[in-house]
């Protein structure tokens, strides 16, 4: 999981990070975390690859609710979890489709089940594909795949939002295209297949992905690519 934590108390951000790392280690889940101590710093950061934000509400300057509205606007699919000391803010969290609401004084009791729910939402209800590796088979969730990249030496690189390095698998891109075509994946050109749920926009032959990368679309098939993406998007609003 790629998470961000935003709280104006640096000590609490470190504490929450440590607790999340412990829970993930106990469940053998990968975790990458980024810490912020003000609304301004998190708003100016690129959260394209971030899946979950743990967010305080009562912060100086732009408060957590206003910040959450802006994050929801910029990253519609991001999971927002409010972590605060004030129960009276809870009803307002629903205006930004907050996933969960945690009281700081109840972290010991609630953090583990909330993180389990987050993990289930991200992965456990998702389909997966099994890739052959040198040390055995590896299953990766389709929802975590941003795009596939073909290479000249009959290897395919799976770029995911879980880890920084792509996962390498044997075969040609066409070997995986038939499996993924009906699962929300779109061939952009000879060397790239994109997960449409990770496409932010398509413009001027450039496809911008959720991690901020741009992939050049085939000029010859550009109209068909745009049409396919718009049809898929219309079905998944």
C-alpha atoms as a PDB file:
ATOM      1  CA  UNK A   1       0.000   0.000   0.000  1.00  0.00           C
ATOM      2  CA  UNK A   2       1.113   3.537  -0.715  1.00  0.00           C
ATOM      3  CA  UNK A   3      -0.167   5.868   1.987  1.00  0.00           C
ATOM      4  CA  UNK A   4       0.218   9.478   3.091  1.00  0.00           C
ATOM      5  CA  UNK A   5      -0.246  10.777   6.634  1.00  0.00           C
ATOM      6  CA  UNK A   6      -1.073  14.414   7.298  1.00  0.00           C
ATOM      7  CA  UNK A   7      -1.237  15.831  10.832  1.00  0.00           C
ATOM      8  CA  UNK A   8       0.132  19.077  12.234  1.00  0.00           C
ATOM      9  CA  UNK A   9       1.740  17.146  15.119  1.00  0.00           C
ATOM     10  CA  UNK A  10       4.995  15.576  13.821  1.00  0.00           C
ATOM     11  CA  UNK A  11       5.184  13.215  16.772  1.00  0.00           C
ATOM     12  CA  UNK A  12       1.758  11.797  15.976  1.00  0.00           C
ATOM     13  CA  UNK A  13       2.573  11.299  12.276  1.00  0.00           C
ATOM     14  CA  UNK A  14       5.602   9.243  13.302  1.00  0.00           C
ATOM     15  CA  UNK A  15       3.544   7.259  15.810  1.00  0.00           C
ATOM     16  CA  UNK A  16       0.839   6.500  13.260  1.00  0.00           C
ATOM     17  CA  UNK A  17       3.430   5.512  10.667  1.00  0.00           C
ATOM     18  CA  UNK A  18       5.031   3.116  13.157  1.00  0.00           C
ATOM     19  CA  UNK A  19       1.681   1.548  14.039  1.00  0.00           C
ATOM     20  CA  UNK A  20       0.765   1.084  10.370  1.00  0.00           C
ATOM     21  CA  UNK A  21       4.162  -0.475   9.627  1.00  0.00           C
ATOM     22  CA  UNK A  22       3.679  -2.947  12.471  1.00  0.00           C
ATOM     23  CA  UNK A  23       0.229  -3.994  11.252  1.00  0.00           C
ATOM     24  CA  UNK A  24       1.463  -4.395   7.673  1.00  0.00           C
ATOM     25  CA  UNK A  25       4.503  -6.405   8.774  1.00  0.00           C
ATOM     26  CA  UNK A  26       2.269  -8.756  10.772  1.00  0.00           C
ATOM     27  CA  UNK A  27       0.163  -9.377   7.658  1.00  0.00           C
ATOM     28  CA  UNK A  28       3.073  -9.469   5.180  1.00  0.00           C
ATOM     29  CA  UNK A  29       1.708  -6.416   3.348  1.00  0.00           C
ATOM     30  CA  UNK A  30       4.051  -4.007   1.575  1.00  0.00           C
ATOM     31  CA  UNK A  31       3.831  -0.401   2.746  1.00  0.00           C
ATOM     32  CA  UNK A  32       5.262   2.883   1.531  1.00  0.00           C
ATOM     33  CA  UNK A  33       4.410   5.973   3.563  1.00  0.00           C
ATOM     34  CA  UNK A  34       4.935   9.713   3.145  1.00  0.00           C
ATOM     35  CA  UNK A  35       4.470  12.154   6.028  1.00  0.00           C
ATOM     36  CA  UNK A  36       3.115  15.707   5.917  1.00  0.00           C
ATOM     37  CA  UNK A  37       2.620  18.170   8.764  1.00  0.00           C
ATOM     38  CA  UNK A  38       0.558  20.862   7.042  1.00  0.00           C
ATOM     39  CA  UNK A  39      -2.207  21.238   4.498  1.00  0.00           C
ATOM     40  CA  UNK A  40       0.031  23.365   2.303  1.00  0.00           C
ATOM     41  CA  UNK A  41       2.744  20.726   1.960  1.00  0.00           C
ATOM     42  CA  UNK A  42       0.397  17.887   1.075  1.00  0.00           C
ATOM     43  CA  UNK A  43      -1.533  20.031  -1.408  1.00  0.00           C
ATOM     44  CA  UNK A  44       1.675  20.954  -3.208  1.00  0.00           C
ATOM     45  CA  UNK A  45       2.852  17.328  -3.349  1.00  0.00           C
ATOM     46  CA  UNK A  46       2.182  14.898  -6.181  1.00  0.00           C
ATOM     47  CA  UNK A  47      -0.016  12.140  -4.746  1.00  0.00           C
ATOM     48  CA  UNK A  48      -0.678  10.439  -8.065  1.00  0.00           C
ATOM     49  CA  UNK A  49       0.586   7.089  -6.823  1.00  0.00           C
ATOM     50  CA  UNK A  50      -0.884   7.380  -3.332  1.00  0.00           C
ATOM     51  CA  UNK A  51      -3.765   5.047  -2.529  1.00  0.00           C
ATOM     52  CA  UNK A  52      -4.739   6.095   1.006  1.00  0.00           C
ATOM     53  CA  UNK A  53      -4.496   9.327   3.017  1.00  0.00           C
ATOM     54  CA  UNK A  54      -4.773   9.325   6.806  1.00  0.00           C
ATOM     55  CA  UNK A  55      -5.821  12.867   7.589  1.00  0.00           C
ATOM     56  CA  UNK A  56      -6.394  14.981  10.679  1.00  0.00           C
ATOM     57  CA  UNK A  57      -9.348  17.358  10.515  1.00  0.00           C
ATOM     58  CA  UNK A  58      -8.432  19.986  13.091  1.00  0.00           C
ATOM     59  CA  UNK A  59      -5.348  21.607  11.576  1.00  0.00           C
ATOM     60  CA  UNK A  60      -4.272  25.262  11.332  1.00  0.00           C
ATOM     61  CA  UNK A  61      -4.750  27.001   8.002  1.00  0.00           C
ATOM     62  CA  UNK A  62      -6.725  24.856   5.603  1.00  0.00           C
ATOM     63  CA  UNK A  63      -8.569  22.405   7.842  1.00  0.00           C
ATOM     64  CA  UNK A  64      -8.842  18.717   7.098  1.00  0.00           C
ATOM     65  CA  UNK A  65     -12.314  18.857   5.586  1.00  0.00           C
ATOM     66  CA  UNK A  66     -11.391  21.573   3.090  1.00  0.00           C
ATOM     67  CA  UNK A  67      -8.180  19.682   2.360  1.00  0.00           C
ATOM     68  CA  UNK A  68     -10.112  16.455   1.840  1.00  0.00           C
ATOM     69  CA  UNK A  69     -12.440  18.149  -0.655  1.00  0.00           C
ATOM     70  CA  UNK A  70      -9.442  19.350  -2.662  1.00  0.00           C
ATOM     71  CA  UNK A  71      -7.792  15.924  -2.535  1.00  0.00           C
ATOM     72  CA  UNK A  72     -11.037  14.282  -3.642  1.00  0.00           C
ATOM     73  CA  UNK A  73     -11.229  16.727  -6.573  1.00  0.00           C
ATOM     74  CA  UNK A  74      -7.645  16.060  -7.672  1.00  0.00           C
ATOM     75  CA  UNK A  75      -7.600  12.307  -6.966  1.00  0.00           C
ATOM     76  CA  UNK A  76     -11.176  10.963  -7.219  1.00  0.00           C
ATOM     77  CA  UNK A  77     -10.264   7.377  -6.363  1.00  0.00           C
ATOM     78  CA  UNK A  78      -8.132   8.050  -3.314  1.00  0.00           C
ATOM     79  CA  UNK A  79      -9.205   6.524   0.013  1.00  0.00           C
ATOM     80  CA  UNK A  80      -9.595   9.084   2.804  1.00  0.00           C
ATOM     81  CA  UNK A  81      -9.387   8.028   6.442  1.00  0.00           C
ATOM     82  CA  UNK A  82      -9.912  10.740   9.059  1.00  0.00           C
ATOM     83  CA  UNK A  83      -7.890  10.394  12.262  1.00  0.00           C
ATOM     84  CA  UNK A  84      -8.865  13.045  14.795  1.00  0.00           C
ATOM     85  CA  UNK A  85      -9.546  13.714  18.454  1.00  0.00           C
ATOM     86  CA  UNK A  86     -12.982  15.245  17.914  1.00  0.00           C
ATOM     87  CA  UNK A  87     -16.036  13.044  17.426  1.00  0.00           C
ATOM     88  CA  UNK A  88     -18.218  15.998  16.451  1.00  0.00           C
ATOM     89  CA  UNK A  89     -16.522  16.180  13.040  1.00  0.00           C
ATOM     90  CA  UNK A  90     -17.600  12.680  12.067  1.00  0.00           C
ATOM     91  CA  UNK A  91     -20.833  13.539  10.187  1.00  0.00           C
ATOM     92  CA  UNK A  92     -19.002  16.047   8.003  1.00  0.00           C
ATOM     93  CA  UNK A  93     -16.621  13.355   6.798  1.00  0.00           C
ATOM     94  CA  UNK A  94     -19.379  11.847   4.715  1.00  0.00           C
ATOM     95  CA  UNK A  95     -19.517  14.974   2.540  1.00  0.00           C
ATOM     96  CA  UNK A  96     -16.150  13.976   1.056  1.00  0.00           C
ATOM     97  CA  UNK A  97     -16.897  10.224   1.016  1.00  0.00           C
ATOM     98  CA  UNK A  98     -14.477   9.446   3.837  1.00  0.00           C
ATOM     99  CA  UNK A  99     -13.836   5.710   4.016  1.00  0.00           C
ATOM    100  CA  UNK A 100     -13.461   5.540   7.784  1.00  0.00           C
ATOM    101  CA  UNK A 101     -13.302   7.836  10.826  1.00  0.00           C
ATOM    102  CA  UNK A 102     -10.888   7.003  13.673  1.00  0.00           C
ATOM    103  CA  UNK A 103     -10.627   8.691  17.032  1.00  0.00           C
ATOM    104  CA  UNK A 104      -7.020   9.188  18.133  1.00  0.00           C
ATOM    105  CA  UNK A 105      -7.832   7.981  21.607  1.00  0.00           C
ATOM    106  CA  UNK A 106      -9.142   4.710  20.151  1.00  0.00           C
ATOM    107  CA  UNK A 107      -6.241   3.818  17.846  1.00  0.00           C
ATOM    108  CA  UNK A 108      -5.378   0.681  19.787  1.00  0.00           C
ATOM    109  CA  UNK A 109      -8.847  -0.718  19.189  1.00  0.00           C
ATOM    110  CA  UNK A 110      -9.729   0.569  15.728  1.00  0.00           C
ATOM    111  CA  UNK A 111      -6.596   0.991  13.610  1.00  0.00           C
ATOM    112  CA  UNK A 112      -6.067  -2.684  12.780  1.00  0.00           C
ATOM    113  CA  UNK A 113      -9.641  -3.387  11.588  1.00  0.00           C
ATOM    114  CA  UNK A 114      -9.678  -0.148   9.597  1.00  0.00           C
ATOM    115  CA  UNK A 115      -6.430  -1.031   7.827  1.00  0.00           C
ATOM    116  CA  UNK A 116      -7.793  -4.499   7.128  1.00  0.00           C
ATOM    117  CA  UNK A 117     -10.866  -2.908   5.539  1.00  0.00           C
ATOM    118  CA  UNK A 118      -8.647  -0.604   3.469  1.00  0.00           C
ATOM    119  CA  UNK A 119      -6.571  -3.552   2.257  1.00  0.00           C
ATOM    120  CA  UNK A 120      -9.699  -5.497   1.359  1.00  0.00           C
ATOM    121  CA  UNK A 121     -11.073  -2.568  -0.614  1.00  0.00           C
ATOM    122  CA  UNK A 122      -7.804  -2.154  -2.495  1.00  0.00           C
ATOM    123  CA  UNK A 123      -6.931  -5.764  -3.162  1.00  0.00           C
ATOM    124  CA  UNK A 124      -8.882  -8.652  -1.742  1.00  0.00           C
ATOM    125  CA  UNK A 125     -12.007  -8.069  -3.796  1.00  0.00           C
ATOM    126  CA  UNK A 126      -9.895  -7.587  -6.911  1.00  0.00           C
ATOM    127  CA  UNK A 127      -9.055 -10.162  -9.540  1.00  0.00           C
ATOM    128  CA  UNK A 128      -5.437 -11.141  -9.894  1.00  0.00           C
ATOM    129  CA  UNK A 129      -3.032 -12.544 -12.449  1.00  0.00           C
ATOM    130  CA  UNK A 130      -0.330 -15.110 -11.713  1.00  0.00           C
ATOM    131  CA  UNK A 131       3.129 -14.397 -13.118  1.00  0.00           C
ATOM    132  CA  UNK A 132       5.921 -16.918 -13.409  1.00  0.00           C
ATOM    133  CA  UNK A 133       9.104 -15.812 -11.645  1.00  0.00           C
ATOM    134  CA  UNK A 134      12.516 -17.427 -11.298  1.00  0.00           C
ATOM    135  CA  UNK A 135      11.733 -18.296  -7.693  1.00  0.00           C
ATOM    136  CA  UNK A 136       8.165 -19.444  -8.325  1.00  0.00           C
ATOM    137  CA  UNK A 137       4.759 -17.992  -9.184  1.00  0.00           C
ATOM    138  CA  UNK A 138       3.684 -14.531  -8.019  1.00  0.00           C
ATOM    139  CA  UNK A 139       0.083 -13.286  -7.899  1.00  0.00           C
ATOM    140  CA  UNK A 140      -0.537  -9.570  -8.423  1.00  0.00           C
ATOM    141  CA  UNK A 141      -3.883  -7.827  -8.222  1.00  0.00           C
ATOM    142  CA  UNK A 142      -5.172  -6.316 -11.449  1.00  0.00           C
ATOM    143  CA  UNK A 143      -6.211  -3.177  -9.574  1.00  0.00           C
ATOM    144  CA  UNK A 144      -2.578  -2.522  -8.634  1.00  0.00           C
ATOM    145  CA  UNK A 145      -1.282  -2.719 -12.225  1.00  0.00           C
ATOM    146  CA  UNK A 146      -0.825   0.715 -13.800  1.00  0.00           C
ATOM    147  CA  UNK A 147       0.505  -0.476 -17.155  1.00  0.00           C
ATOM    148  CA  UNK A 148       2.410  -3.269 -18.894  1.00  0.00           C
ATOM    149  CA  UNK A 149       5.535  -2.606 -20.933  1.00  0.00           C
ATOM    150  CA  UNK A 150       6.880  -5.019 -23.540  1.00  0.00           C
ATOM    151  CA  UNK A 151      10.624  -5.371 -24.049  1.00  0.00           C
ATOM    152  CA  UNK A 152      12.665  -6.647 -27.035  1.00  0.00           C
ATOM    153  CA  UNK A 153      13.946  -9.719 -25.124  1.00  0.00           C
ATOM    154  CA  UNK A 154      10.550 -11.396 -24.702  1.00  0.00           C
ATOM    155  CA  UNK A 155       9.999 -10.049 -21.199  1.00  0.00           C
ATOM    156  CA  UNK A 156       7.070  -7.944 -19.948  1.00  0.00           C
ATOM    157  CA  UNK A 157       7.373  -5.352 -17.194  1.00  0.00           C
ATOM    158  CA  UNK A 158       4.361  -4.911 -14.909  1.00  0.00           C
ATOM    159  CA  UNK A 159       4.388  -1.394 -13.446  1.00  0.00           C
ATOM    160  CA  UNK A 160       2.283  -1.308 -10.261  1.00  0.00           C
ATOM    161  CA  UNK A 161       1.382   1.186  -7.561  1.00  0.00           C
ATOM    162  CA  UNK A 162       2.625  -1.170  -4.843  1.00  0.00           C
ATOM    163  CA  UNK A 163       6.363  -1.076  -5.440  1.00  0.00           C
ATOM    164  CA  UNK A 164       8.755   1.277  -7.225  1.00  0.00           C
ATOM    165  CA  UNK A 165      10.418  -1.384  -9.388  1.00  0.00           C
ATOM    166  CA  UNK A 166       8.391  -3.111 -12.125  1.00  0.00           C
ATOM    167  CA  UNK A 167       7.733  -6.838 -11.882  1.00  0.00           C
ATOM    168  CA  UNK A 168       9.320  -8.749 -14.759  1.00  0.00           C
ATOM    169  CA  UNK A 169       7.608 -11.757 -16.323  1.00  0.00           C
ATOM    170  CA  UNK A 170       8.400 -13.941 -19.345  1.00  0.00           C
ATOM    171  CA  UNK A 171       6.586 -13.719 -22.646  1.00  0.00           C
ATOM    172  CA  UNK A 172       5.380 -11.150 -25.132  1.00  0.00           C
ATOM    173  CA  UNK A 173       2.903  -8.356 -24.519  1.00  0.00           C
ATOM    174  CA  UNK A 174       0.410 -10.120 -26.800  1.00  0.00           C
ATOM    175  CA  UNK A 175       0.462 -13.127 -24.445  1.00  0.00           C
ATOM    176  CA  UNK A 176      -1.124 -10.989 -21.724  1.00  0.00           C
ATOM    177  CA  UNK A 177      -3.312  -8.813 -23.922  1.00  0.00           C
ATOM    178  CA  UNK A 178      -5.878 -11.535 -24.587  1.00  0.00           C
ATOM    179  CA  UNK A 179      -6.186 -12.224 -20.841  1.00  0.00           C
ATOM    180  CA  UNK A 180      -6.558  -8.581 -19.828  1.00  0.00           C
ATOM    181  CA  UNK A 181      -8.545  -7.117 -22.738  1.00  0.00           C
ATOM    182  CA  UNK A 182     -11.948  -7.713 -21.111  1.00  0.00           C
ATOM    183  CA  UNK A 183     -10.751  -6.672 -17.656  1.00  0.00           C
ATOM    184  CA  UNK A 184     -10.323  -2.952 -18.253  1.00  0.00           C
ATOM    185  CA  UNK A 185      -6.965  -2.941 -20.028  1.00  0.00           C
ATOM    186  CA  UNK A 186      -6.289  -1.076 -23.271  1.00  0.00           C
ATOM    187  CA  UNK A 187      -3.484  -1.443 -25.846  1.00  0.00           C
ATOM    188  CA  UNK A 188      -1.977   2.020 -26.357  1.00  0.00           C
ATOM    189  CA  UNK A 189       0.724   1.112 -28.845  1.00  0.00           C
ATOM    190  CA  UNK A 190       3.123  -1.704 -29.731  1.00  0.00           C
ATOM    191  CA  UNK A 191       4.915  -1.707 -26.372  1.00  0.00           C
ATOM    192  CA  UNK A 192       2.286  -0.606 -23.839  1.00  0.00           C
ATOM    193  CA  UNK A 193      -1.003  -1.822 -22.374  1.00  0.00           C
ATOM    194  CA  UNK A 194      -2.674   0.440 -19.780  1.00  0.00           C
ATOM    195  CA  UNK A 195      -5.108  -0.266 -16.977  1.00  0.00           C
ATOM    196  CA  UNK A 196      -7.940   2.144 -17.791  1.00  0.00           C
ATOM    197  CA  UNK A 197      -8.750   2.653 -14.114  1.00  0.00           C
ATOM    198  CA  UNK A 198      -5.303   4.274 -13.827  1.00  0.00           C
ATOM    199  CA  UNK A 199      -5.681   6.591 -16.827  1.00  0.00           C
ATOM    200  CA  UNK A 200      -6.152  10.197 -15.711  1.00  0.00           C
ATOM    201  CA  UNK A 201      -6.551  11.724 -19.169  1.00  0.00           C
ATOM    202  CA  UNK A 202      -5.820  11.274 -22.864  1.00  0.00           C
ATOM    203  CA  UNK A 203      -4.862  14.341 -24.866  1.00  0.00           C
ATOM    204  CA  UNK A 204      -2.721  15.085 -27.917  1.00  0.00           C
ATOM    205  CA  UNK A 205      -1.626  11.449 -28.252  1.00  0.00           C
ATOM    206  CA  UNK A 206      -0.390  11.442 -24.645  1.00  0.00           C
ATOM    207  CA  UNK A 207      -1.926   9.143 -22.031  1.00  0.00           C
ATOM    208  CA  UNK A 208      -1.336  10.372 -18.476  1.00  0.00           C
ATOM    209  CA  UNK A 209      -1.348   7.605 -15.879  1.00  0.00           C
ATOM    210  CA  UNK A 210      -2.164   7.754 -12.168  1.00  0.00           C
ATOM    211  CA  UNK A 211       1.536   7.744 -11.253  1.00  0.00           C
ATOM    212  CA  UNK A 212       2.131  10.858 -13.356  1.00  0.00           C
ATOM    213  CA  UNK A 213       3.849   9.080 -16.236  1.00  0.00           C
ATOM    214  CA  UNK A 214       2.920   9.881 -19.834  1.00  0.00           C
ATOM    215  CA  UNK A 215       2.714   7.159 -22.480  1.00  0.00           C
ATOM    216  CA  UNK A 216       2.587   7.969 -26.168  1.00  0.00           C
ATOM    217  CA  UNK A 217      -0.506   6.520 -27.833  1.00  0.00           C
ATOM    218  CA  UNK A 218      -0.504   5.112 -31.334  1.00  0.00           C
ATOM    219  CA  UNK A 219      -1.340   7.869 -33.820  1.00  0.00           C
ATOM    220  CA  UNK A 220      -2.849   5.363 -36.209  1.00  0.00           C
ATOM    221  CA  UNK A 221      -5.231   3.962 -33.583  1.00  0.00           C
ATOM    222  CA  UNK A 222      -5.659   7.128 -31.529  1.00  0.00           C
ATOM    223  CA  UNK A 223      -9.360   7.619 -32.310  1.00  0.00           C
ATOM    224  CA  UNK A 224     -10.188   4.018 -31.421  1.00  0.00           C
ATOM    225  CA  UNK A 225      -8.160   4.320 -28.192  1.00  0.00           C
ATOM    226  CA  UNK A 226     -10.053   7.456 -27.152  1.00  0.00           C
ATOM    227  CA  UNK A 227     -13.405   5.872 -27.995  1.00  0.00           C
ATOM    228  CA  UNK A 228     -12.631   2.711 -26.050  1.00  0.00           C
ATOM    229  CA  UNK A 229     -11.544   4.693 -23.004  1.00  0.00           C
ATOM    230  CA  UNK A 230     -14.621   6.934 -23.094  1.00  0.00           C
ATOM    231  CA  UNK A 231     -16.922   3.893 -23.349  1.00  0.00           C
ATOM    232  CA  UNK A 232     -15.195   2.239 -20.417  1.00  0.00           C
ATOM    233  CA  UNK A 233     -15.282   5.418 -18.364  1.00  0.00           C
ATOM    234  CA  UNK A 234     -18.981   5.892 -19.045  1.00  0.00           C
ATOM    235  CA  UNK A 235     -19.642   2.399 -17.702  1.00  0.00           C
ATOM    236  CA  UNK A 236     -17.575   2.971 -14.540  1.00  0.00           C
ATOM    237  CA  UNK A 237     -18.665   6.389 -13.333  1.00  0.00           C
END
